[in-house]
Amino acid sequence: MEQFAVNPYDPSLKTHKLSGKLKEFWSFIIDYDARVLLGIVLLYRR
């Protein structure tokens, strides 16, 4: 998780966009049998 805070696209995390029913989410790997699913919310201010 610490590495994600520094660089969410670090190759060691294998961050990737999901497809199918989860196509609005991203995922990255923590351990062999654990991964994190996340939704990215973009806020725009005019």
PDB file of N, CA and C in Angstrom:
ATOM      1  N   MET A   1       0.820  -1.193   0.000  1.00  0.00           N
ATOM      2  CA  MET A   1       0.000   0.000   0.000  1.00  0.00           C
ATOM      3  C   MET A   1       0.862   1.255   0.000  1.00  0.00           C
ATOM      4  N   GLU A   2       1.988   1.196   0.691  1.00  0.00           N
ATOM      5  CA  GLU A   2       2.880   2.356   0.739  1.00  0.00           C
ATOM      6  C   GLU A   2       3.386   2.708  -0.654  1.00  0.00           C
ATOM      7  N   GLN A   3       3.739   1.692  -1.426  1.00  0.00           N
ATOM      8  CA  GLN A   3       4.223   1.931  -2.791  1.00  0.00           C
ATOM      9  C   GLN A   3       3.137   2.570  -3.644  1.00  0.00           C
ATOM     10  N   PHE A   4       1.895   2.180  -3.451  1.00  0.00           N
ATOM     11  CA  PHE A   4       0.789   2.778  -4.200  1.00  0.00           C
ATOM     12  C   PHE A   4       0.678   4.267  -3.919  1.00  0.00           C
ATOM     13  N   ALA A   5       0.894   4.667  -2.667  1.00  0.00           N
ATOM     14  CA  ALA A   5       0.830   6.084  -2.307  1.00  0.00           C
ATOM     15  C   ALA A   5       1.943   6.878  -2.987  1.00  0.00           C
ATOM     16  N   VAL A   6       3.091   6.240  -3.177  1.00  0.00           N
ATOM     17  CA  VAL A   6       4.223   6.912  -3.829  1.00  0.00           C
ATOM     18  C   VAL A   6       4.022   6.960  -5.343  1.00  0.00           C
ATOM     19  N   ASN A   7       3.669   5.821  -5.940  1.00  0.00           N
ATOM     20  CA  ASN A   7       3.499   5.733  -7.390  1.00  0.00           C
ATOM     21  C   ASN A   7       2.474   4.647  -7.706  1.00  0.00           C
ATOM     22  N   PRO A   8       1.213   5.019  -7.959  1.00  0.00           N
ATOM     23  CA  PRO A   8       0.179   4.016  -8.188  1.00  0.00           C
ATOM     24  C   PRO A   8       0.399   3.172  -9.444  1.00  0.00           C
ATOM     25  N   TYR A   9       1.286   3.601 -10.335  1.00  0.00           N
ATOM     26  CA  TYR A   9       1.538   2.851 -11.568  1.00  0.00           C
ATOM     27  C   TYR A   9       2.907   2.184 -11.578  1.00  0.00           C
ATOM     28  N   ASP A  10       3.493   2.000 -10.409  1.00  0.00           N
ATOM     29  CA  ASP A  10       4.774   1.299 -10.318  1.00  0.00           C
ATOM     30  C   ASP A  10       4.590  -0.109 -10.905  1.00  0.00           C
ATOM     31  N   PRO A  11       5.502  -0.538 -11.778  1.00  0.00           N
ATOM     32  CA  PRO A  11       5.364  -1.851 -12.408  1.00  0.00           C
ATOM     33  C   PRO A  11       5.228  -3.019 -11.421  1.00  0.00           C
ATOM     34  N   SER A  12       5.795  -2.890 -10.246  1.00  0.00           N
ATOM     35  CA  SER A  12       5.713  -3.984  -9.268  1.00  0.00           C
ATOM     36  C   SER A  12       4.288  -4.202  -8.764  1.00  0.00           C
ATOM     37  N   LEU A  13       3.436  -3.184  -8.855  1.00  0.00           N
ATOM     38  CA  LEU A  13       2.038  -3.307  -8.412  1.00  0.00           C
ATOM     39  C   LEU A  13       1.148  -3.930  -9.480  1.00  0.00           C
ATOM     40  N   LYS A  14       1.577  -3.870 -10.720  1.00  0.00           N
ATOM     41  CA  LYS A  14       0.784  -4.385 -11.851  1.00  0.00           C
ATOM     42  C   LYS A  14      -0.615  -3.766 -11.875  1.00  0.00           C
ATOM     43  N   THR A  15      -0.678  -2.453 -11.671  1.00  0.00           N
ATOM     44  CA  THR A  15      -1.940  -1.722 -11.708  1.00  0.00           C
ATOM     45  C   THR A  15      -2.540  -1.828 -13.104  1.00  0.00           C
ATOM     46  N   HIS A  16      -3.825  -2.186 -13.159  1.00  0.00           N
ATOM     47  CA  HIS A  16      -4.463  -2.336 -14.461  1.00  0.00           C
ATOM     48  C   HIS A  16      -5.966  -2.081 -14.375  1.00  0.00           C
ATOM     49  N   LYS A  17      -6.522  -1.642 -15.480  1.00  0.00           N
ATOM     50  CA  LYS A  17      -7.953  -1.415 -15.599  1.00  0.00           C
ATOM     51  C   LYS A  17      -8.626  -2.769 -15.789  1.00  0.00           C
ATOM     52  N   LEU A  18      -9.757  -2.950 -15.114  1.00  0.00           N
ATOM     53  CA  LEU A  18     -10.496  -4.204 -15.230  1.00  0.00           C
ATOM     54  C   LEU A  18     -11.461  -4.140 -16.413  1.00  0.00           C
ATOM     55  N   SER A  19     -12.040  -5.275 -16.745  1.00  0.00           N
ATOM     56  CA  SER A  19     -12.981  -5.330 -17.857  1.00  0.00           C
ATOM     57  C   SER A  19     -14.257  -6.042 -17.416  1.00  0.00           C
ATOM     58  N   GLY A  20     -15.204  -6.144 -18.323  1.00  0.00           N
ATOM     59  CA  GLY A  20     -16.465  -6.809 -18.017  1.00  0.00           C
ATOM     60  C   GLY A  20     -17.301  -6.032 -17.021  1.00  0.00           C
ATOM     61  N   LYS A  21     -17.902  -6.743 -16.064  1.00  0.00           N
ATOM     62  CA  LYS A  21     -18.778  -6.107 -15.074  1.00  0.00           C
ATOM     63  C   LYS A  21     -18.026  -5.131 -14.178  1.00  0.00           C
ATOM     64  N   LEU A  22     -16.718  -5.277 -14.074  1.00  0.00           N
ATOM     65  CA  LEU A  22     -15.904  -4.396 -13.218  1.00  0.00           C
ATOM     66  C   LEU A  22     -15.121  -3.370 -14.029  1.00  0.00           C
ATOM     67  N   LYS A  23     -15.556  -3.061 -15.250  1.00  0.00           N
ATOM     68  CA  LYS A  23     -14.794  -2.205 -16.151  1.00  0.00           C
ATOM     69  C   LYS A  23     -14.573  -0.778 -15.642  1.00  0.00           C
ATOM     70  N   GLU A  24     -15.340  -0.354 -14.661  1.00  0.00           N
ATOM     71  CA  GLU A  24     -15.134   0.998 -14.117  1.00  0.00           C
ATOM     72  C   GLU A  24     -14.096   1.021 -12.993  1.00  0.00           C
ATOM     73  N   PHE A  25     -13.522  -0.118 -12.670  1.00  0.00           N
ATOM     74  CA  PHE A  25     -12.564  -0.221 -11.572  1.00  0.00           C
ATOM     75  C   PHE A  25     -11.146  -0.530 -12.054  1.00  0.00           C
ATOM     76  N   TRP A  26     -10.194  -0.283 -11.171  1.00  0.00           N
ATOM     77  CA  TRP A  26      -8.793  -0.627 -11.371  1.00  0.00           C
ATOM     78  C   TRP A  26      -8.397  -1.611 -10.288  1.00  0.00           C
ATOM     79  N   SER A  27      -7.300  -2.309 -10.490  1.00  0.00           N
ATOM     80  CA  SER A  27      -6.830  -3.282  -9.525  1.00  0.00           C
ATOM     81  C   SER A  27      -5.308  -3.241  -9.456  1.00  0.00           C
ATOM     82  N   PHE A  28      -4.770  -3.570  -8.282  1.00  0.00           N
ATOM     83  CA  PHE A  28      -3.336  -3.807  -8.170  1.00  0.00           C
ATOM     84  C   PHE A  28      -3.098  -4.918  -7.170  1.00  0.00           C
ATOM     85  N   ILE A  29      -1.956  -5.558  -7.298  1.00  0.00           N
ATOM     86  CA  ILE A  29      -1.632  -6.749  -6.519  1.00  0.00           C
ATOM     87  C   ILE A  29      -0.888  -6.375  -5.242  1.00  0.00           C
ATOM     88  N   ILE A  30      -1.299  -6.961  -4.124  1.00  0.00           N
ATOM     89  CA  ILE A  30      -0.599  -6.786  -2.858  1.00  0.00           C
ATOM     90  C   ILE A  30       0.294  -7.987  -2.588  1.00  0.00           C
ATOM     91  N   ASP A  31      -0.265  -9.160  -2.787  1.00  0.00           N
ATOM     92  CA  ASP A  31       0.433 -10.414  -2.521  1.00  0.00           C
ATOM     93  C   ASP A  31      -0.089 -11.452  -3.512  1.00  0.00           C
ATOM     94  N   TYR A  32       0.470 -12.635  -3.471  1.00  0.00           N
ATOM     95  CA  TYR A  32       0.077 -13.696  -4.404  1.00  0.00           C
ATOM     96  C   TYR A  32      -1.426 -13.916  -4.414  1.00  0.00           C
ATOM     97  N   ASP A  33      -2.053 -13.889  -3.258  1.00  0.00           N
ATOM     98  CA  ASP A  33      -3.489 -14.176  -3.175  1.00  0.00           C
ATOM     99  C   ASP A  33      -4.320 -12.984  -2.708  1.00  0.00           C
ATOM    100  N   ALA A  34      -3.778 -11.784  -2.819  1.00  0.00           N
ATOM    101  CA  ALA A  34      -4.521 -10.590  -2.394  1.00  0.00           C
ATOM    102  C   ALA A  34      -4.334  -9.463  -3.405  1.00  0.00           C
ATOM    103  N   ARG A  35      -5.445  -8.823  -3.738  1.00  0.00           N
ATOM    104  CA  ARG A  35      -5.372  -7.662  -4.617  1.00  0.00           C
ATOM    105  C   ARG A  35      -6.368  -6.617  -4.158  1.00  0.00           C
ATOM    106  N   VAL A  36      -6.172  -5.403  -4.574  1.00  0.00           N
ATOM    107  CA  VAL A  36      -7.036  -4.290  -4.197  1.00  0.00           C
ATOM    108  C   VAL A  36      -7.808  -3.849  -5.432  1.00  0.00           C
ATOM    109  N   LEU A  37      -9.116  -3.677  -5.272  1.00  0.00           N
ATOM    110  CA  LEU A  37      -9.949  -3.093  -6.316  1.00  0.00           C
ATOM    111  C   LEU A  37     -10.229  -1.660  -5.915  1.00  0.00           C
ATOM    112  N   LEU A  38     -10.124  -0.750  -6.874  1.00  0.00           N
ATOM    113  CA  LEU A  38     -10.400   0.630  -6.525  1.00  0.00           C
ATOM    114  C   LEU A  38     -11.102   1.344  -7.656  1.00  0.00           C
ATOM    115  N   GLY A  39     -11.929   2.279  -7.254  1.00  0.00           N
ATOM    116  CA  GLY A  39     -12.590   3.163  -8.207  1.00  0.00           C
ATOM    117  C   GLY A  39     -11.929   4.522  -8.089  1.00  0.00           C
ATOM    118  N   ILE A  40     -11.655   5.123  -9.204  1.00  0.00           N
ATOM    119  CA  ILE A  40     -11.004   6.432  -9.195  1.00  0.00           C
ATOM    120  C   ILE A  40     -12.062   7.477  -9.487  1.00  0.00           C
ATOM    121  N   VAL A  41     -12.197   8.423  -8.592  1.00  0.00           N
ATOM    122  CA  VAL A  41     -13.172   9.489  -8.738  1.00  0.00           C
ATOM    123  C   VAL A  41     -12.418  10.759  -9.121  1.00  0.00           C
ATOM    124  N   LEU A  42     -12.799  11.329 -10.232  1.00  0.00           N
ATOM    125  CA  LEU A  42     -12.189  12.568 -10.673  1.00  0.00           C
ATOM    126  C   LEU A  42     -13.125  13.718 -10.342  1.00  0.00           C
ATOM    127  N   LEU A  43     -12.610  14.698  -9.661  1.00  0.00           N
ATOM    128  CA  LEU A  43     -13.406  15.861  -9.297  1.00  0.00           C
ATOM    129  C   LEU A  43     -12.901  17.056 -10.096  1.00  0.00           C
ATOM    130  N   TYR A  44     -13.783  17.720 -10.743  1.00  0.00           N
ATOM    131  CA  TYR A  44     -13.414  18.881 -11.534  1.00  0.00           C
ATOM    132  C   TYR A  44     -13.968  20.133 -10.868  1.00  0.00           C
ATOM    133  N   ARG A  45     -13.147  21.123 -10.845  1.00  0.00           N
ATOM    134  CA  ARG A  45     -13.566  22.414 -10.267  1.00  0.00           C
ATOM    135  C   ARG A  45     -13.486  23.455 -11.356  1.00  0.00           C
ATOM    136  N   ARG A  46     -14.540  24.181 -11.549  1.00  0.00           N
ATOM    137  CA  ARG A  46     -14.558  25.226 -12.581  1.00  0.00           C
ATOM    138  C   ARG A  46     -14.189  26.545 -12.024  1.00  0.00           C
TER     139      ARG A  46
END
